[in-house]
N, C-alpha and C. Protein backbone atom coordinates (compact mmCIF):
# COMPACT_ATOMS: atom_id res chain seq x y z
N MET A 1 0.81 -1.28 0.05
CA MET A 1 -0.02 0.02 0.01
C MET A 1 0.84 1.24 0.06
N LEU A 2 2.07 1.17 0.61
CA LEU A 2 2.92 2.41 0.72
C LEU A 2 3.23 2.88 -0.70
N GLU A 3 3.65 1.80 -1.66
CA GLU A 3 3.94 2.17 -3.02
C GLU A 3 2.74 2.92 -3.67
N LEU A 4 1.52 2.35 -3.46
CA LEU A 4 0.30 3.01 -4.08
C LEU A 4 0.19 4.43 -3.57
N VAL A 5 0.37 4.60 -2.24
CA VAL A 5 0.33 6.01 -1.76
C VAL A 5 1.33 6.90 -2.37
N LEU A 6 2.47 6.54 -2.38
CA LEU A 6 3.61 7.35 -2.95
C LEU A 6 3.33 7.60 -4.49
N ARG A 7 2.97 6.69 -5.13
CA ARG A 7 2.79 6.87 -6.62
C ARG A 7 1.45 7.87 -6.81
N SER A 8 0.48 7.63 -5.93
CA SER A 8 -0.67 8.48 -6.22
C SER A 8 -0.35 9.95 -5.91
N LEU A 9 0.40 10.21 -4.82
CA LEU A 9 0.89 11.59 -4.54
C LEU A 9 1.85 12.20 -5.63
N ASP A 10 2.65 11.33 -6.11
CA ASP A 10 3.61 11.77 -7.18
C ASP A 10 2.79 12.11 -8.43
N ASP A 11 1.87 11.25 -8.68
CA ASP A 11 0.97 11.50 -10.02
C ASP A 11 0.28 12.73 -9.77
N ASP A 12 -0.18 13.17 -8.57
CA ASP A 12 -0.95 14.35 -8.32
C ASP A 12 -0.07 15.51 -8.05
N GLN A 13 1.15 15.45 -8.28
CA GLN A 13 2.27 16.61 -8.09
C GLN A 13 2.32 17.14 -6.76
N ALA A 14 2.24 16.19 -5.80
CA ALA A 14 2.42 16.57 -4.44
C ALA A 14 3.96 17.03 -4.36
N GLN A 15 4.16 17.98 -3.35
CA GLN A 15 5.53 18.49 -3.21
C GLN A 15 6.16 17.91 -1.97
N GLU A 16 7.46 17.78 -1.89
CA GLU A 16 8.27 17.46 -0.71
C GLU A 16 7.61 16.28 -0.04
N ILE A 17 7.48 15.03 -0.73
CA ILE A 17 6.95 13.91 -0.05
C ILE A 17 7.96 13.33 0.76
N VAL A 18 7.63 13.03 2.06
CA VAL A 18 8.54 12.52 3.03
C VAL A 18 7.85 11.23 3.64
N THR A 19 8.55 10.14 3.83
CA THR A 19 8.10 8.97 4.38
C THR A 19 8.83 8.72 5.69
N ILE A 20 8.14 8.55 6.74
CA ILE A 20 8.78 8.22 8.04
C ILE A 20 8.37 6.91 8.62
N PRO A 21 9.29 5.97 8.76
CA PRO A 21 8.92 4.69 9.31
C PRO A 21 8.65 4.82 10.68
N LEU A 22 7.45 4.21 11.12
CA LEU A 22 7.04 4.37 12.56
C LEU A 22 7.13 3.06 13.41
N GLU A 23 7.48 2.07 12.70
CA GLU A 23 7.61 0.74 13.50
C GLU A 23 8.63 0.99 14.57
N GLY A 24 8.24 0.52 15.76
CA GLY A 24 9.05 0.68 16.98
C GLY A 24 8.80 2.03 17.69
N LYS A 25 8.26 3.02 16.95
CA LYS A 25 8.07 4.35 17.44
C LYS A 25 6.60 4.46 17.94
N SER A 26 5.70 3.87 17.26
CA SER A 26 4.24 4.08 17.58
C SER A 26 3.47 2.85 17.02
N SER A 27 2.46 2.57 17.80
CA SER A 27 1.59 1.41 17.51
C SER A 27 0.41 1.96 16.57
N VAL A 28 0.41 3.24 16.24
CA VAL A 28 -0.71 3.76 15.41
C VAL A 28 -0.61 3.37 13.94
N ALA A 29 0.57 3.32 13.42
CA ALA A 29 0.76 2.84 11.98
C ALA A 29 2.18 2.44 11.74
N ASP A 30 2.41 1.83 10.61
CA ASP A 30 3.79 1.35 10.21
C ASP A 30 4.56 2.49 9.52
N HIS A 31 3.80 3.48 8.84
CA HIS A 31 4.48 4.50 8.11
C HIS A 31 3.70 5.76 8.13
N MET A 32 4.38 6.92 8.20
CA MET A 32 3.72 8.22 8.05
C MET A 32 4.25 8.74 6.72
N VAL A 33 3.34 9.40 5.98
CA VAL A 33 3.74 10.07 4.75
C VAL A 33 3.24 11.43 4.85
N ILE A 34 4.09 12.45 4.61
CA ILE A 34 3.85 13.75 4.63
C ILE A 34 4.10 14.47 3.31
N ALA A 35 3.14 15.34 2.82
CA ALA A 35 3.42 15.90 1.54
C ALA A 35 2.76 17.22 1.56
N SER A 36 2.94 18.17 0.64
CA SER A 36 2.35 19.38 0.46
C SER A 36 1.74 19.59 -0.82
N GLY A 37 0.63 20.34 -0.89
CA GLY A 37 0.03 20.83 -2.10
C GLY A 37 0.11 22.27 -2.18
N ARG A 38 -0.05 22.76 -3.37
CA ARG A 38 0.22 24.23 -3.60
C ARG A 38 -0.92 25.08 -3.03
N SER A 39 -2.03 24.51 -2.90
CA SER A 39 -3.32 25.21 -2.57
C SER A 39 -4.36 24.35 -1.78
N THR A 40 -5.39 24.85 -1.24
CA THR A 40 -6.32 24.14 -0.57
C THR A 40 -7.04 23.19 -1.61
N ARG A 41 -7.29 23.72 -2.76
CA ARG A 41 -7.99 22.90 -3.74
C ARG A 41 -7.02 21.66 -4.20
N GLN A 42 -5.77 21.88 -4.34
CA GLN A 42 -4.88 20.69 -4.64
C GLN A 42 -4.79 19.71 -3.45
N VAL A 43 -4.80 20.19 -2.27
CA VAL A 43 -4.72 19.35 -1.10
C VAL A 43 -6.01 18.45 -0.99
N ALA A 44 -7.07 19.13 -1.23
CA ALA A 44 -8.41 18.40 -1.07
C ALA A 44 -8.47 17.33 -2.30
N ALA A 45 -8.14 17.77 -3.46
CA ALA A 45 -8.15 16.86 -4.55
C ALA A 45 -7.22 15.63 -4.45
N MET A 46 -6.09 15.86 -3.93
CA MET A 46 -5.15 14.74 -3.70
C MET A 46 -5.67 13.84 -2.64
N ALA A 47 -6.21 14.35 -1.63
CA ALA A 47 -6.80 13.46 -0.62
C ALA A 47 -8.00 12.58 -1.13
N GLN A 48 -8.82 13.22 -1.77
CA GLN A 48 -9.98 12.46 -2.34
C GLN A 48 -9.52 11.36 -3.32
N LYS A 49 -8.57 11.74 -4.23
CA LYS A 49 -8.05 10.73 -5.31
C LYS A 49 -7.30 9.69 -4.48
N LEU A 50 -6.49 9.89 -3.48
CA LEU A 50 -5.80 8.94 -2.78
C LEU A 50 -6.80 7.94 -2.07
N ALA A 51 -7.82 8.51 -1.47
CA ALA A 51 -8.80 7.68 -0.86
C ALA A 51 -9.41 6.67 -1.75
N GLU A 52 -9.74 7.30 -2.98
CA GLU A 52 -10.43 6.35 -4.03
C GLU A 52 -9.42 5.27 -4.58
N ARG A 53 -8.18 5.74 -4.76
CA ARG A 53 -7.21 4.72 -5.25
C ARG A 53 -6.94 3.65 -4.18
N ILE A 54 -6.85 4.01 -2.96
CA ILE A 54 -6.75 3.02 -1.90
C ILE A 54 -7.80 2.01 -1.96
N LYS A 55 -9.09 2.52 -2.02
CA LYS A 55 -10.27 1.61 -2.13
C LYS A 55 -10.19 0.83 -3.33
N GLN A 56 -9.91 1.38 -4.43
CA GLN A 56 -9.81 0.51 -5.63
C GLN A 56 -8.76 -0.45 -5.70
N GLY A 57 -7.75 -0.14 -4.89
CA GLY A 57 -6.55 -1.10 -4.76
C GLY A 57 -6.86 -2.27 -3.89
N GLY A 58 -8.11 -2.23 -3.30
CA GLY A 58 -8.38 -3.35 -2.43
C GLY A 58 -7.99 -3.29 -0.99
N PHE A 59 -7.66 -2.12 -0.61
CA PHE A 59 -7.19 -1.98 0.84
C PHE A 59 -8.29 -1.46 1.76
N GLY A 60 -9.50 -1.31 1.32
CA GLY A 60 -10.57 -0.91 2.06
C GLY A 60 -10.71 0.61 2.11
N HIS A 61 -11.75 1.01 2.91
CA HIS A 61 -12.01 2.48 3.11
C HIS A 61 -10.99 3.18 4.00
N VAL A 62 -10.78 4.38 3.91
CA VAL A 62 -9.95 5.16 4.68
C VAL A 62 -10.83 6.28 5.51
N ARG A 63 -10.24 6.72 6.57
CA ARG A 63 -10.94 7.88 7.15
C ARG A 63 -10.18 9.23 6.85
N ILE A 64 -10.91 10.23 6.65
CA ILE A 64 -10.27 11.45 6.20
C ILE A 64 -10.74 12.58 7.15
N GLU A 65 -9.88 13.34 7.63
CA GLU A 65 -10.21 14.57 8.57
C GLU A 65 -9.57 15.73 7.89
N GLY A 66 -10.35 16.84 8.13
CA GLY A 66 -9.86 18.17 7.61
C GLY A 66 -10.07 18.45 6.26
N LEU A 67 -10.97 17.71 5.60
CA LEU A 67 -11.23 17.93 4.17
C LEU A 67 -11.87 19.34 3.88
N PRO A 68 -12.87 19.77 4.70
CA PRO A 68 -13.56 20.95 4.30
C PRO A 68 -12.64 22.24 4.25
N ALA A 69 -11.74 22.42 5.22
CA ALA A 69 -10.78 23.54 5.21
C ALA A 69 -9.57 23.16 4.19
N ALA A 70 -9.10 21.91 4.28
CA ALA A 70 -8.08 21.42 3.44
C ALA A 70 -6.72 22.19 3.57
N ASP A 71 -6.48 22.74 4.81
CA ASP A 71 -5.22 23.26 5.11
C ASP A 71 -4.26 22.21 5.56
N TRP A 72 -4.87 21.19 6.33
CA TRP A 72 -4.16 20.01 6.83
C TRP A 72 -5.23 18.84 6.72
N VAL A 73 -4.91 17.87 5.81
CA VAL A 73 -5.91 16.74 5.79
C VAL A 73 -5.10 15.56 6.13
N LEU A 74 -5.78 14.83 7.04
CA LEU A 74 -5.27 13.50 7.58
C LEU A 74 -6.05 12.36 6.99
N ILE A 75 -5.31 11.40 6.40
CA ILE A 75 -5.84 10.25 5.82
C ILE A 75 -5.32 9.03 6.63
N ASP A 76 -6.25 8.34 7.32
CA ASP A 76 -5.93 7.22 8.09
C ASP A 76 -6.17 5.97 7.26
N ALA A 77 -5.13 5.26 6.71
CA ALA A 77 -5.37 4.21 5.93
C ALA A 77 -4.91 2.91 6.60
N GLY A 78 -4.98 2.91 7.97
CA GLY A 78 -4.66 1.74 8.75
C GLY A 78 -3.22 1.67 9.03
N ASP A 79 -2.36 0.98 8.23
CA ASP A 79 -0.97 0.88 8.44
C ASP A 79 -0.27 2.07 8.02
N ILE A 80 -0.88 2.93 7.24
CA ILE A 80 -0.23 4.15 6.81
C ILE A 80 -1.14 5.41 7.13
N VAL A 81 -0.40 6.39 7.74
CA VAL A 81 -1.10 7.61 7.92
C VAL A 81 -0.57 8.66 7.04
N VAL A 82 -1.35 9.43 6.29
CA VAL A 82 -0.95 10.49 5.37
C VAL A 82 -1.40 11.82 5.91
N HIS A 83 -0.41 12.74 5.85
CA HIS A 83 -0.71 14.13 6.19
C HIS A 83 -0.42 14.99 4.96
N LEU A 84 -1.51 15.68 4.49
CA LEU A 84 -1.38 16.57 3.34
C LEU A 84 -1.51 17.97 3.79
N PHE A 85 -0.60 18.89 3.52
CA PHE A 85 -0.62 20.25 4.00
C PHE A 85 -0.57 21.25 2.93
N ARG A 86 -0.99 22.44 3.19
CA ARG A 86 -0.47 23.62 2.50
C ARG A 86 0.84 24.00 2.99
N PRO A 87 1.77 24.44 2.16
CA PRO A 87 3.16 24.69 2.68
C PRO A 87 3.34 25.47 3.99
N GLU A 88 2.51 26.51 4.16
CA GLU A 88 2.63 27.34 5.36
C GLU A 88 2.19 26.53 6.60
N VAL A 89 1.23 25.84 6.46
CA VAL A 89 0.67 25.00 7.60
C VAL A 89 1.72 24.00 7.88
N ARG A 90 2.32 23.26 6.93
CA ARG A 90 3.30 22.26 7.19
C ARG A 90 4.49 22.73 7.88
N SER A 91 4.95 23.97 7.50
CA SER A 91 6.18 24.48 8.19
C SER A 91 5.83 24.91 9.60
N PHE A 92 4.59 25.27 9.92
CA PHE A 92 4.24 25.63 11.35
C PHE A 92 4.17 24.45 12.20
N TYR A 93 3.63 23.29 11.77
CA TYR A 93 3.55 22.20 12.59
C TYR A 93 4.77 21.21 12.61
N ASN A 94 5.53 21.23 11.56
CA ASN A 94 6.83 20.61 11.36
C ASN A 94 6.84 19.18 11.91
N LEU A 95 5.82 18.37 11.31
CA LEU A 95 5.84 17.03 11.93
C LEU A 95 7.00 16.23 11.54
N GLU A 96 7.76 16.43 10.60
CA GLU A 96 8.87 15.61 10.21
C GLU A 96 9.88 15.78 11.28
N ARG A 97 10.08 16.84 11.89
CA ARG A 97 11.16 17.06 12.98
C ARG A 97 10.60 16.32 14.30
N MET A 98 9.36 16.40 14.51
CA MET A 98 8.83 15.73 15.67
C MET A 98 8.99 14.29 15.66
N TRP A 99 8.65 13.61 14.53
CA TRP A 99 8.61 12.16 14.48
C TRP A 99 9.98 11.58 14.06
N ALA A 100 10.90 12.46 13.47
CA ALA A 100 12.14 11.88 13.12
C ALA A 100 13.22 12.31 14.21
N PHE A 101 12.79 12.80 15.27
CA PHE A 101 13.64 13.26 16.30
C PHE A 101 14.60 12.11 16.77
N GLY A 102 15.86 12.31 16.82
CA GLY A 102 16.82 11.36 17.20
C GLY A 102 17.27 10.43 16.07
N ASP A 103 16.69 10.50 14.90
CA ASP A 103 17.04 9.77 13.70
C ASP A 103 18.09 10.54 12.93
N GLN A 104 18.70 9.96 12.05
CA GLN A 104 19.64 10.57 11.15
C GLN A 104 18.98 11.38 10.16
N GLY A 105 17.72 11.08 9.93
CA GLY A 105 16.83 11.95 8.99
C GLY A 105 15.68 11.00 8.53
N ALA A 106 14.83 11.68 7.91
CA ALA A 106 13.54 10.96 7.47
C ALA A 106 13.95 10.23 6.03
N ALA A 107 13.21 9.22 5.88
CA ALA A 107 13.39 8.43 4.60
C ALA A 107 12.90 9.14 3.43
């Protein structure tokens, strides 16, 4: 499923895609994917397309939070949690730094 998520975001021209392995760090998911869109419209479209592609790929339904405002959209796909941001919101919350703390860097 991680490959499908990354390919979907790349196809939709997401920016600065980062994958953070969470195994051993959190029981919430195995991977966290963080990416940016240029506008709220692009963030919302990427989230909706990703949810549909995951469903079509046979991975079931996902839960989406934050879609109406689309500044920060969280997609819970079970083993993978995807955060889609507008660039300003992403730099404010800086999730990469929080989750990669103590690592040599994010994947």
